[in-house]
Amino acid sequence: MKFIKDSIRELKHVVWPTREETKKYFIIISTFIVLFGLYLFIFNSIFSEFIILLKDVFKS
């Protein structure tokens, strides 16, 4: 019970972000995730083509 009371007391000291800050951080994180996904997709495609090319070269 003491743990719960202490937790509630600590939560009262937390400074929660405003609605505008939350929107801003959401946009930043969403943009980062999309760009990182594109980065992974592009380099995965290039790497896959390179592996297929190597397979064809060493197959002959």
Protein backbone atom coordinates (compact mmCIF):
# COMPACT_ATOMS: atom_id res chain seq x y z
CA MET A 1 0.00 0.00 0.00
CA LYS A 2 2.88 2.34 0.77
CA PHE A 3 4.26 1.74 -2.74
CA ILE A 4 0.97 2.85 -4.33
CA LYS A 5 0.77 5.98 -2.16
CA ASP A 6 4.39 6.85 -2.99
CA SER A 7 3.73 6.28 -6.69
CA ILE A 8 0.70 8.58 -6.66
CA ARG A 9 2.70 11.24 -4.81
CA GLU A 10 5.50 11.02 -7.38
CA LEU A 11 3.04 11.24 -10.29
CA LYS A 12 1.86 14.59 -8.92
CA HIS A 13 5.39 15.94 -9.47
CA VAL A 14 5.50 14.91 -13.12
CA VAL A 15 5.38 17.73 -15.66
CA TRP A 16 3.19 16.41 -18.46
CA PRO A 17 3.69 17.74 -22.02
CA THR A 18 1.13 20.12 -23.45
CA ARG A 19 -1.13 19.17 -26.35
CA GLU A 20 1.04 21.20 -28.76
CA GLU A 21 4.25 19.55 -27.54
CA THR A 22 2.66 16.13 -27.93
CA LYS A 23 1.62 16.94 -31.52
CA LYS A 24 5.11 18.24 -32.31
CA TYR A 25 6.84 15.16 -30.90
CA PHE A 26 4.35 12.87 -32.67
CA ILE A 27 5.12 14.51 -36.01
CA ILE A 28 8.88 14.32 -35.43
CA ILE A 29 8.79 10.65 -34.42
CA SER A 30 6.39 9.70 -37.24
CA THR A 31 8.61 11.43 -39.80
CA PHE A 32 11.68 9.69 -38.43
CA ILE A 33 9.98 6.28 -38.58
CA VAL A 34 8.85 6.81 -42.18
CA LEU A 35 12.30 8.01 -43.29
CA PHE A 36 14.02 5.14 -41.50
CA GLY A 37 11.59 2.68 -43.10
CA LEU A 38 12.37 4.11 -46.54
CA TYR A 39 16.09 3.89 -45.80
CA LEU A 40 15.75 0.23 -44.83
CA PHE A 41 13.60 -0.54 -47.89
CA ILE A 42 16.01 1.11 -50.33
CA PHE A 43 19.15 -0.51 -48.92
CA ASN A 44 17.44 -3.87 -48.56
CA SER A 45 16.42 -3.69 -52.23
CA ILE A 46 19.94 -2.74 -53.32
CA PHE A 47 21.48 -5.48 -51.17
CA SER A 48 19.02 -8.08 -52.51
CA GLU A 49 19.83 -7.16 -56.11
CA PHE A 50 23.55 -7.35 -55.31
CA ILE A 51 23.15 -10.82 -53.78
CA ILE A 52 21.16 -12.02 -56.80
CA LEU A 53 23.84 -10.60 -59.11
CA LEU A 54 26.58 -12.39 -57.13
CA LYS A 55 24.59 -15.63 -57.22
CA ASP A 56 24.29 -15.38 -61.01
CA VAL A 57 28.01 -14.57 -61.42
CA PHE A 58 29.20 -17.49 -59.29
CA LYS A 59 26.58 -19.88 -60.68
CA SER A 60 28.13 -19.74 -64.16
